[in-house]
């Protein structure tokens, strides 16, 4: 359940980045730039989530690595698709 909540938070954060991209740029180029900026921020957040799982929840790095990949990959793939679609138009 925690994985679903983290992925949902990532998608919500992606939407927030896209909205701020529209507010700052008022164009699809501004949204695309904001969506691209989301990816490194989300990587940091996913790594912090992994660190919490290792240091506080008692999981090993080996157990947490696939969860890190899943938590990072799904919102990052959505961001890449959004940036690609926005750059086409």
PDB file of N, CA and C in Angstrom:
ATOM      1  N   UNK A   1       0.820  -1.192   0.000  1.00  0.00           N
ATOM      2  CA  UNK A   1       0.000   0.000   0.000  1.00  0.00           C
ATOM      3  C   UNK A   1       0.870   1.264   0.000  1.00  0.00           C
ATOM      4  N   UNK A   2       2.003   1.173   0.684  1.00  0.00           N
ATOM      5  CA  UNK A   2       2.890   2.331   0.746  1.00  0.00           C
ATOM      6  C   UNK A   2       3.440   2.672  -0.642  1.00  0.00           C
ATOM      7  N   UNK A   3       3.715   1.649  -1.441  1.00  0.00           N
ATOM      8  CA  UNK A   3       4.244   1.882  -2.791  1.00  0.00           C
ATOM      9  C   UNK A   3       3.223   2.655  -3.625  1.00  0.00           C
ATOM     10  N   UNK A   4       1.961   2.272  -3.523  1.00  0.00           N
ATOM     11  CA  UNK A   4       0.906   2.950  -4.275  1.00  0.00           C
ATOM     12  C   UNK A   4       0.790   4.407  -3.828  1.00  0.00           C
ATOM     13  N   UNK A   5       0.910   4.647  -2.525  1.00  0.00           N
ATOM     14  CA  UNK A   5       0.829   6.021  -2.022  1.00  0.00           C
ATOM     15  C   UNK A   5       2.013   6.859  -2.500  1.00  0.00           C
ATOM     16  N   UNK A   6       3.199   6.280  -2.534  1.00  0.00           N
ATOM     17  CA  UNK A   6       4.379   7.023  -2.990  1.00  0.00           C
ATOM     18  C   UNK A   6       4.268   7.325  -4.482  1.00  0.00           C
ATOM     19  N   UNK A   7       3.840   6.362  -5.267  1.00  0.00           N
ATOM     20  CA  UNK A   7       3.667   6.589  -6.704  1.00  0.00           C
ATOM     21  C   UNK A   7       2.577   7.637  -6.938  1.00  0.00           C
ATOM     22  N   UNK A   8       1.491   7.570  -6.180  1.00  0.00           N
ATOM     23  CA  UNK A   8       0.436   8.575  -6.284  1.00  0.00           C
ATOM     24  C   UNK A   8       0.945   9.964  -5.929  1.00  0.00           C
ATOM     25  N   UNK A   9       1.782  10.033  -4.897  1.00  0.00           N
ATOM     26  CA  UNK A   9       2.380  11.327  -4.533  1.00  0.00           C
ATOM     27  C   UNK A   9       3.283  11.837  -5.648  1.00  0.00           C
ATOM     28  N   UNK A  10       3.989  10.934  -6.320  1.00  0.00           N
ATOM     29  CA  UNK A  10       4.835  11.332  -7.441  1.00  0.00           C
ATOM     30  C   UNK A  10       4.028  11.890  -8.595  1.00  0.00           C
ATOM     31  N   UNK A  11       2.915  11.263  -8.885  1.00  0.00           N
ATOM     32  CA  UNK A  11       2.053  11.746  -9.966  1.00  0.00           C
ATOM     33  C   UNK A  11       1.441  13.092  -9.583  1.00  0.00           C
ATOM     34  N   UNK A  12       1.055  13.232  -8.325  1.00  0.00           N
ATOM     35  CA  UNK A  12       0.524  14.511  -7.856  1.00  0.00           C
ATOM     36  C   UNK A  12       1.583  15.609  -7.936  1.00  0.00           C
ATOM     37  N   UNK A  13       2.815  15.284  -7.549  1.00  0.00           N
ATOM     38  CA  UNK A  13       3.899  16.262  -7.641  1.00  0.00           C
ATOM     39  C   UNK A  13       4.185  16.626  -9.100  1.00  0.00           C
ATOM     40  N   UNK A  14       4.086  15.665  -9.991  1.00  0.00           N
ATOM     41  CA  UNK A  14       4.239  15.947 -11.419  1.00  0.00           C
ATOM     42  C   UNK A  14       3.180  16.935 -11.887  1.00  0.00           C
ATOM     43  N   UNK A  15       1.957  16.764 -11.444  1.00  0.00           N
ATOM     44  CA  UNK A  15       0.886  17.698 -11.802  1.00  0.00           C
ATOM     45  C   UNK A  15       1.165  19.098 -11.252  1.00  0.00           C
ATOM     46  N   UNK A  16       1.690  19.163 -10.040  1.00  0.00           N
ATOM     47  CA  UNK A  16       2.027  20.460  -9.454  1.00  0.00           C
ATOM     48  C   UNK A  16       3.127  21.137 -10.269  1.00  0.00           C
ATOM     49  N   UNK A  17       4.153  20.373 -10.669  1.00  0.00           N
ATOM     50  CA  UNK A  17       5.213  20.939 -11.505  1.00  0.00           C
ATOM     51  C   UNK A  17       4.639  21.436 -12.828  1.00  0.00           C
ATOM     52  N   UNK A  18       3.733  20.664 -13.423  1.00  0.00           N
ATOM     53  CA  UNK A  18       3.138  21.077 -14.700  1.00  0.00           C
ATOM     54  C   UNK A  18       2.314  22.352 -14.535  1.00  0.00           C
ATOM     55  N   UNK A  19       1.580  22.460 -13.430  1.00  0.00           N
ATOM     56  CA  UNK A  19       0.796  23.680 -13.204  1.00  0.00           C
ATOM     57  C   UNK A  19       1.697  24.889 -13.008  1.00  0.00           C
ATOM     58  N   UNK A  20       2.793  24.735 -12.260  1.00  0.00           N
ATOM     59  CA  UNK A  20       3.710  25.855 -12.096  1.00  0.00           C
ATOM     60  C   UNK A  20       4.409  26.185 -13.407  1.00  0.00           C
ATOM     61  N   UNK A  21       4.669  25.185 -14.223  1.00  0.00           N
ATOM     62  CA  UNK A  21       5.232  25.448 -15.547  1.00  0.00           C
ATOM     63  C   UNK A  21       4.296  26.296 -16.386  1.00  0.00           C
ATOM     64  N   UNK A  22       2.998  26.030 -16.290  1.00  0.00           N
ATOM     65  CA  UNK A  22       2.035  26.836 -17.023  1.00  0.00           C
ATOM     66  C   UNK A  22       1.972  28.254 -16.453  1.00  0.00           C
ATOM     67  N   UNK A  23       2.008  28.363 -15.136  1.00  0.00           N
ATOM     68  CA  UNK A  23       1.943  29.688 -14.513  1.00  0.00           C
ATOM     69  C   UNK A  23       3.157  30.540 -14.863  1.00  0.00           C
ATOM     70  N   UNK A  24       4.331  29.929 -14.904  1.00  0.00           N
ATOM     71  CA  UNK A  24       5.544  30.691 -15.178  1.00  0.00           C
ATOM     72  C   UNK A  24       5.773  30.930 -16.658  1.00  0.00           C
ATOM     73  N   UNK A  25       5.402  29.960 -17.483  1.00  0.00           N
ATOM     74  CA  UNK A  25       5.704  30.095 -18.902  1.00  0.00           C
ATOM     75  C   UNK A  25       4.518  30.425 -19.765  1.00  0.00           C
ATOM     76  N   UNK A  26       3.320  30.067 -19.312  1.00  0.00           N
ATOM     77  CA  UNK A  26       2.070  30.275 -20.056  1.00  0.00           C
ATOM     78  C   UNK A  26       2.142  29.693 -21.461  1.00  0.00           C
ATOM     79  N   UNK A  27       2.875  28.580 -21.598  1.00  0.00           N
ATOM     80  CA  UNK A  27       2.965  27.908 -22.888  1.00  0.00           C
ATOM     81  C   UNK A  27       3.309  26.446 -22.659  1.00  0.00           C
ATOM     82  N   UNK A  28       3.225  25.676 -23.728  1.00  0.00           N
ATOM     83  CA  UNK A  28       3.590  24.267 -23.605  1.00  0.00           C
ATOM     84  C   UNK A  28       5.086  24.098 -23.363  1.00  0.00           C
ATOM     85  N   UNK A  29       5.886  25.042 -23.826  1.00  0.00           N
ATOM     86  CA  UNK A  29       7.329  24.962 -23.574  1.00  0.00           C
ATOM     87  C   UNK A  29       7.627  25.121 -22.086  1.00  0.00           C
ATOM     88  N   UNK A  30       6.895  25.989 -21.409  1.00  0.00           N
ATOM     89  CA  UNK A  30       7.069  26.152 -19.969  1.00  0.00           C
ATOM     90  C   UNK A  30       6.670  24.910 -19.200  1.00  0.00           C
ATOM     91  N   UNK A  31       5.582  24.285 -19.637  1.00  0.00           N
ATOM     92  CA  UNK A  31       5.146  23.044 -18.994  1.00  0.00           C
ATOM     93  C   UNK A  31       6.174  21.947 -19.234  1.00  0.00           C
ATOM     94  N   UNK A  32       6.671  21.839 -20.462  1.00  0.00           N
ATOM     95  CA  UNK A  32       7.659  20.810 -20.781  1.00  0.00           C
ATOM     96  C   UNK A  32       8.929  20.983 -19.951  1.00  0.00           C
ATOM     97  N   UNK A  33       9.365  22.208 -19.775  1.00  0.00           N
ATOM     98  CA  UNK A  33      10.552  22.474 -18.961  1.00  0.00           C
ATOM     99  C   UNK A  33      10.317  22.087 -17.507  1.00  0.00           C
ATOM    100  N   UNK A  34       9.149  22.421 -16.985  1.00  0.00           N
ATOM    101  CA  UNK A  34       8.833  22.078 -15.601  1.00  0.00           C
ATOM    102  C   UNK A  34       8.734  20.569 -15.413  1.00  0.00           C
ATOM    103  N   UNK A  35       8.177  19.878 -16.387  1.00  0.00           N
ATOM    104  CA  UNK A  35       8.072  18.420 -16.310  1.00  0.00           C
ATOM    105  C   UNK A  35       9.461  17.787 -16.350  1.00  0.00           C
ATOM    106  N   UNK A  36      10.354  18.355 -17.152  1.00  0.00           N
ATOM    107  CA  UNK A  36      11.731  17.850 -17.183  1.00  0.00           C
ATOM    108  C   UNK A  36      12.446  18.118 -15.866  1.00  0.00           C
ATOM    109  N   UNK A  37      12.137  19.237 -15.226  1.00  0.00           N
ATOM    110  CA  UNK A  37      12.747  19.559 -13.930  1.00  0.00           C
ATOM    111  C   UNK A  37      12.216  18.649 -12.827  1.00  0.00           C
ATOM    112  N   UNK A  38      11.050  18.073 -13.023  1.00  0.00           N
ATOM    113  CA  UNK A  38      10.463  17.170 -12.039  1.00  0.00           C
ATOM    114  C   UNK A  38      11.304  15.920 -11.831  1.00  0.00           C
ATOM    115  N   UNK A  39      11.895  15.405 -12.889  1.00  0.00           N
ATOM    116  CA  UNK A  39      12.572  14.104 -12.822  1.00  0.00           C
ATOM    117  C   UNK A  39      13.711  14.080 -11.795  1.00  0.00           C
ATOM    118  N   UNK A  40      14.659  15.021 -11.787  1.00  0.00           N
ATOM    119  CA  UNK A  40      15.702  14.950 -10.752  1.00  0.00           C
ATOM    120  C   UNK A  40      15.160  15.187  -9.340  1.00  0.00           C
ATOM    121  N   UNK A  41      14.145  16.025  -9.230  1.00  0.00           N
ATOM    122  CA  UNK A  41      13.544  16.244  -7.907  1.00  0.00           C
ATOM    123  C   UNK A  41      12.897  14.955  -7.415  1.00  0.00           C
ATOM    124  N   UNK A  42      12.208  14.264  -8.297  1.00  0.00           N
ATOM    125  CA  UNK A  42      11.554  13.020  -7.916  1.00  0.00           C
ATOM    126  C   UNK A  42      12.589  11.933  -7.588  1.00  0.00           C
ATOM    127  N   UNK A  43      13.714  11.939  -8.272  1.00  0.00           N
ATOM    128  CA  UNK A  43      14.769  10.984  -7.948  1.00  0.00           C
ATOM    129  C   UNK A  43      15.265  11.190  -6.518  1.00  0.00           C
ATOM    130  N   UNK A  44      15.446  12.429  -6.112  1.00  0.00           N
ATOM    131  CA  UNK A  44      15.873  12.729  -4.740  1.00  0.00           C
ATOM    132  C   UNK A  44      14.813  12.265  -3.740  1.00  0.00           C
ATOM    133  N   UNK A  45      13.544  12.548  -4.035  1.00  0.00           N
ATOM    134  CA  UNK A  45      12.465  12.143  -3.131  1.00  0.00           C
ATOM    135  C   UNK A  45      12.399  10.616  -3.026  1.00  0.00           C
ATOM    136  N   UNK A  46      12.541   9.912  -4.138  1.00  0.00           N
ATOM    137  CA  UNK A  46      12.510   8.449  -4.114  1.00  0.00           C
ATOM    138  C   UNK A  46      13.697   7.884  -3.342  1.00  0.00           C
ATOM    139  N   UNK A  47      14.860   8.503  -3.476  1.00  0.00           N
ATOM    140  CA  UNK A  47      16.034   8.049  -2.722  1.00  0.00           C
ATOM    141  C   UNK A  47      15.864   8.303  -1.226  1.00  0.00           C
ATOM    142  N   UNK A  48      15.255   9.418  -0.861  1.00  0.00           N
ATOM    143  CA  UNK A  48      14.971   9.672   0.553  1.00  0.00           C
ATOM    144  C   UNK A  48      13.991   8.636   1.085  1.00  0.00           C
ATOM    145  N   UNK A  49      13.000   8.277   0.283  1.00  0.00           N
ATOM    146  CA  UNK A  49      12.066   7.230   0.683  1.00  0.00           C
ATOM    147  C   UNK A  49      12.800   5.911   0.909  1.00  0.00           C
ATOM    148  N   UNK A  50      13.767   5.594   0.053  1.00  0.00           N
ATOM    149  CA  UNK A  50      14.557   4.381   0.230  1.00  0.00           C
ATOM    150  C   UNK A  50      15.387   4.464   1.510  1.00  0.00           C
ATOM    151  N   UNK A  51      15.985   5.621   1.748  1.00  0.00           N
ATOM    152  CA  UNK A  51      16.800   5.792   2.944  1.00  0.00           C
ATOM    153  C   UNK A  51      15.963   5.585   4.207  1.00  0.00           C
ATOM    154  N   UNK A  52      14.738   6.101   4.205  1.00  0.00           N
ATOM    155  CA  UNK A  52      13.853   5.908   5.357  1.00  0.00           C
ATOM    156  C   UNK A  52      13.524   4.430   5.528  1.00  0.00           C
ATOM    157  N   UNK A  53      13.283   3.742   4.439  1.00  0.00           N
ATOM    158  CA  UNK A  53      13.000   2.311   4.512  1.00  0.00           C
ATOM    159  C   UNK A  53      14.171   1.520   5.053  1.00  0.00           C
ATOM    160  N   UNK A  54      15.377   1.922   4.709  1.00  0.00           N
ATOM    161  CA  UNK A  54      16.572   1.201   5.171  1.00  0.00           C
ATOM    162  C   UNK A  54      16.906   1.570   6.613  1.00  0.00           C
ATOM    163  N   UNK A  55      16.873   2.863   6.922  1.00  0.00           N
ATOM    164  CA  UNK A  55      17.346   3.283   8.241  1.00  0.00           C
ATOM    165  C   UNK A  55      16.295   3.145   9.346  1.00  0.00           C
ATOM    166  N   UNK A  56      15.031   3.329   9.023  1.00  0.00           N
ATOM    167  CA  UNK A  56      14.008   3.313  10.068  1.00  0.00           C
ATOM    168  C   UNK A  56      13.132   2.069  10.043  1.00  0.00           C
ATOM    169  N   UNK A  57      12.828   1.549   8.889  1.00  0.00           N
ATOM    170  CA  UNK A  57      11.932   0.399   8.793  1.00  0.00           C
ATOM    171  C   UNK A  57      12.672  -0.922   8.899  1.00  0.00           C
ATOM    172  N   UNK A  58      13.991  -0.890   8.780  1.00  0.00           N
ATOM    173  CA  UNK A  58      14.775  -2.096   8.962  1.00  0.00           C
ATOM    174  C   UNK A  58      14.960  -2.964   7.732  1.00  0.00           C
ATOM    175  N   UNK A  59      14.622  -2.457   6.565  1.00  0.00           N
ATOM    176  CA  UNK A  59      14.841  -3.219   5.340  1.00  0.00           C
ATOM    177  C   UNK A  59      16.295  -3.072   4.903  1.00  0.00           C
ATOM    178  N   UNK A  60      16.761  -4.039   4.136  1.00  0.00           N
ATOM    179  CA  UNK A  60      18.121  -3.940   3.605  1.00  0.00           C
ATOM    180  C   UNK A  60      18.087  -3.156   2.296  1.00  0.00           C
ATOM    181  N   UNK A  61      19.259  -2.703   1.873  1.00  0.00           N
ATOM    182  CA  UNK A  61      19.357  -1.986   0.598  1.00  0.00           C
ATOM    183  C   UNK A  61      18.927  -2.901  -0.536  1.00  0.00           C
ATOM    184  N   UNK A  62      19.262  -4.161  -0.433  1.00  0.00           N
ATOM    185  CA  UNK A  62      18.878  -5.123  -1.467  1.00  0.00           C
ATOM    186  C   UNK A  62      17.356  -5.268  -1.568  1.00  0.00           C
ATOM    187  N   UNK A  63      16.665  -5.208  -0.441  1.00  0.00           N
ATOM    188  CA  UNK A  63      15.207  -5.305  -0.457  1.00  0.00           C
ATOM    189  C   UNK A  63      14.557  -4.013  -0.962  1.00  0.00           C
ATOM    190  N   UNK A  64      15.167  -2.893  -0.676  1.00  0.00           N
ATOM    191  CA  UNK A  64      14.578  -1.604  -1.029  1.00  0.00           C
ATOM    192  C   UNK A  64      14.871  -1.154  -2.460  1.00  0.00           C
ATOM    193  N   UNK A  65      15.919  -1.681  -3.086  1.00  0.00           N
ATOM    194  CA  UNK A  65      16.297  -1.224  -4.425  1.00  0.00           C
ATOM    195  C   UNK A  65      15.202  -1.441  -5.475  1.00  0.00           C
ATOM    196  N   UNK A  66      14.561  -2.620  -5.529  1.00  0.00           N
ATOM    197  CA  UNK A  66      13.475  -2.753  -6.522  1.00  0.00           C
ATOM    198  C   UNK A  66      12.317  -1.795  -6.258  1.00  0.00           C
ATOM    199  N   UNK A  67      12.058  -1.500  -5.007  1.00  0.00           N
ATOM    200  CA  UNK A  67      10.990  -0.569  -4.667  1.00  0.00           C
ATOM    201  C   UNK A  67      11.377   0.844  -5.092  1.00  0.00           C
ATOM    202  N   UNK A  68      12.662   1.202  -4.916  1.00  0.00           N
ATOM    203  CA  UNK A  68      13.151   2.492  -5.390  1.00  0.00           C
ATOM    204  C   UNK A  68      12.946   2.618  -6.890  1.00  0.00           C
ATOM    205  N   UNK A  69      13.305   1.588  -7.615  1.00  0.00           N
ATOM    206  CA  UNK A  69      13.166   1.620  -9.079  1.00  0.00           C
ATOM    207  C   UNK A  69      11.701   1.793  -9.470  1.00  0.00           C
ATOM    208  N   UNK A  70      10.823   1.048  -8.830  1.00  0.00           N
ATOM    209  CA  UNK A  70       9.392   1.149  -9.145  1.00  0.00           C
ATOM    210  C   UNK A  70       8.837   2.513  -8.773  1.00  0.00           C
ATOM    211  N   UNK A  71       9.174   2.985  -7.575  1.00  0.00           N
ATOM    212  CA  UNK A  71       8.680   4.292  -7.128  1.00  0.00           C
ATOM    213  C   UNK A  71       9.177   5.419  -8.027  1.00  0.00           C
ATOM    214  N   UNK A  72      10.400   5.324  -8.493  1.00  0.00           N
ATOM    215  CA  UNK A  72      10.935   6.373  -9.362  1.00  0.00           C
ATOM    216  C   UNK A  72      10.442   6.230 -10.792  1.00  0.00           C
ATOM    217  N   UNK A  73      10.395   5.020 -11.300  1.00  0.00           N
ATOM    218  CA  UNK A  73      10.173   4.804 -12.729  1.00  0.00           C
ATOM    219  C   UNK A  73       8.781   5.223 -13.197  1.00  0.00           C
ATOM    220  N   UNK A  74       7.756   4.877 -12.479  1.00  0.00           N
ATOM    221  CA  UNK A  74       6.410   5.152 -12.988  1.00  0.00           C
ATOM    222  C   UNK A  74       6.130   6.654 -13.147  1.00  0.00           C
ATOM    223  N   UNK A  75       6.351   7.486 -12.130  1.00  0.00           N
ATOM    224  CA  UNK A  75       6.148   8.919 -12.371  1.00  0.00           C
ATOM    225  C   UNK A  75       7.142   9.506 -13.378  1.00  0.00           C
ATOM    226  N   UNK A  76       8.377   8.995 -13.407  1.00  0.00           N
ATOM    227  CA  UNK A  76       9.359   9.506 -14.366  1.00  0.00           C
ATOM    228  C   UNK A  76       8.969   9.152 -15.800  1.00  0.00           C
ATOM    229  N   UNK A  77       8.415   7.987 -16.008  1.00  0.00           N
ATOM    230  CA  UNK A  77       7.944   7.606 -17.339  1.00  0.00           C
ATOM    231  C   UNK A  77       6.777   8.503 -17.765  1.00  0.00           C
ATOM    232  N   UNK A  78       5.873   8.769 -16.837  1.00  0.00           N
ATOM    233  CA  UNK A  78       4.779   9.691 -17.148  1.00  0.00           C
ATOM    234  C   UNK A  78       5.309  11.076 -17.496  1.00  0.00           C
ATOM    235  N   UNK A  79       6.324  11.526 -16.768  1.00  0.00           N
ATOM    236  CA  UNK A  79       6.927  12.834 -17.055  1.00  0.00           C
ATOM    237  C   UNK A  79       7.588  12.836 -18.425  1.00  0.00           C
ATOM    238  N   UNK A  80       8.281  11.752 -18.763  1.00  0.00           N
ATOM    239  CA  UNK A  80       8.926  11.674 -20.071  1.00  0.00           C
ATOM    240  C   UNK A  80       7.890  11.681 -21.198  1.00  0.00           C
ATOM    241  N   UNK A  81       6.808  10.950 -21.002  1.00  0.00           N
ATOM    242  CA  UNK A  81       5.747  10.945 -22.013  1.00  0.00           C
ATOM    243  C   UNK A  81       5.101  12.324 -22.150  1.00  0.00           C
ATOM    244  N   UNK A  82       4.886  12.988 -21.023  1.00  0.00           N
ATOM    245  CA  UNK A  82       4.296  14.332 -21.071  1.00  0.00           C
ATOM    246  C   UNK A  82       5.234  15.312 -21.766  1.00  0.00           C
ATOM    247  N   UNK A  83       6.515  15.257 -21.454  1.00  0.00           N
ATOM    248  CA  UNK A  83       7.488  16.156 -22.089  1.00  0.00           C
ATOM    249  C   UNK A  83       7.550  15.877 -23.584  1.00  0.00           C
ATOM    250  N   UNK A  84       7.511  14.623 -23.966  1.00  0.00           N
ATOM    251  CA  UNK A  84       7.551  14.257 -25.382  1.00  0.00           C
ATOM    252  C   UNK A  84       6.317  14.776 -26.115  1.00  0.00           C
ATOM    253  N   UNK A  85       5.140  14.582 -25.509  1.00  0.00           N
ATOM    254  CA  UNK A  85       3.912  15.065 -26.143  1.00  0.00           C
ATOM    255  C   UNK A  85       3.877  16.584 -26.232  1.00  0.00           C
ATOM    256  N   UNK A  86       4.356  17.253 -25.203  1.00  0.00           N
ATOM    257  CA  UNK A  86       4.347  18.720 -25.207  1.00  0.00           C
ATOM    258  C   UNK A  86       5.349  19.293 -26.199  1.00  0.00           C
ATOM    259  N   UNK A  87       6.470  18.595 -26.386  1.00  0.00           N
ATOM    260  CA  UNK A  87       7.463  19.096 -27.333  1.00  0.00           C
ATOM    261  C   UNK A  87       7.030  18.859 -28.786  1.00  0.00           C
ATOM    262  N   UNK A  88       6.154  17.933 -29.013  1.00  0.00           N
ATOM    263  CA  UNK A  88       5.647  17.676 -30.364  1.00  0.00           C
ATOM    264  C   UNK A  88       4.694  18.764 -30.834  1.00  0.00           C
ATOM    265  N   UNK A  89       3.967  19.338 -29.881  1.00  0.00           N
ATOM    266  CA  UNK A  89       2.930  20.315 -30.259  1.00  0.00           C
ATOM    267  C   UNK A  89       3.429  21.663 -30.150  1.00  0.00           C
TER     268      UNK A  89
END
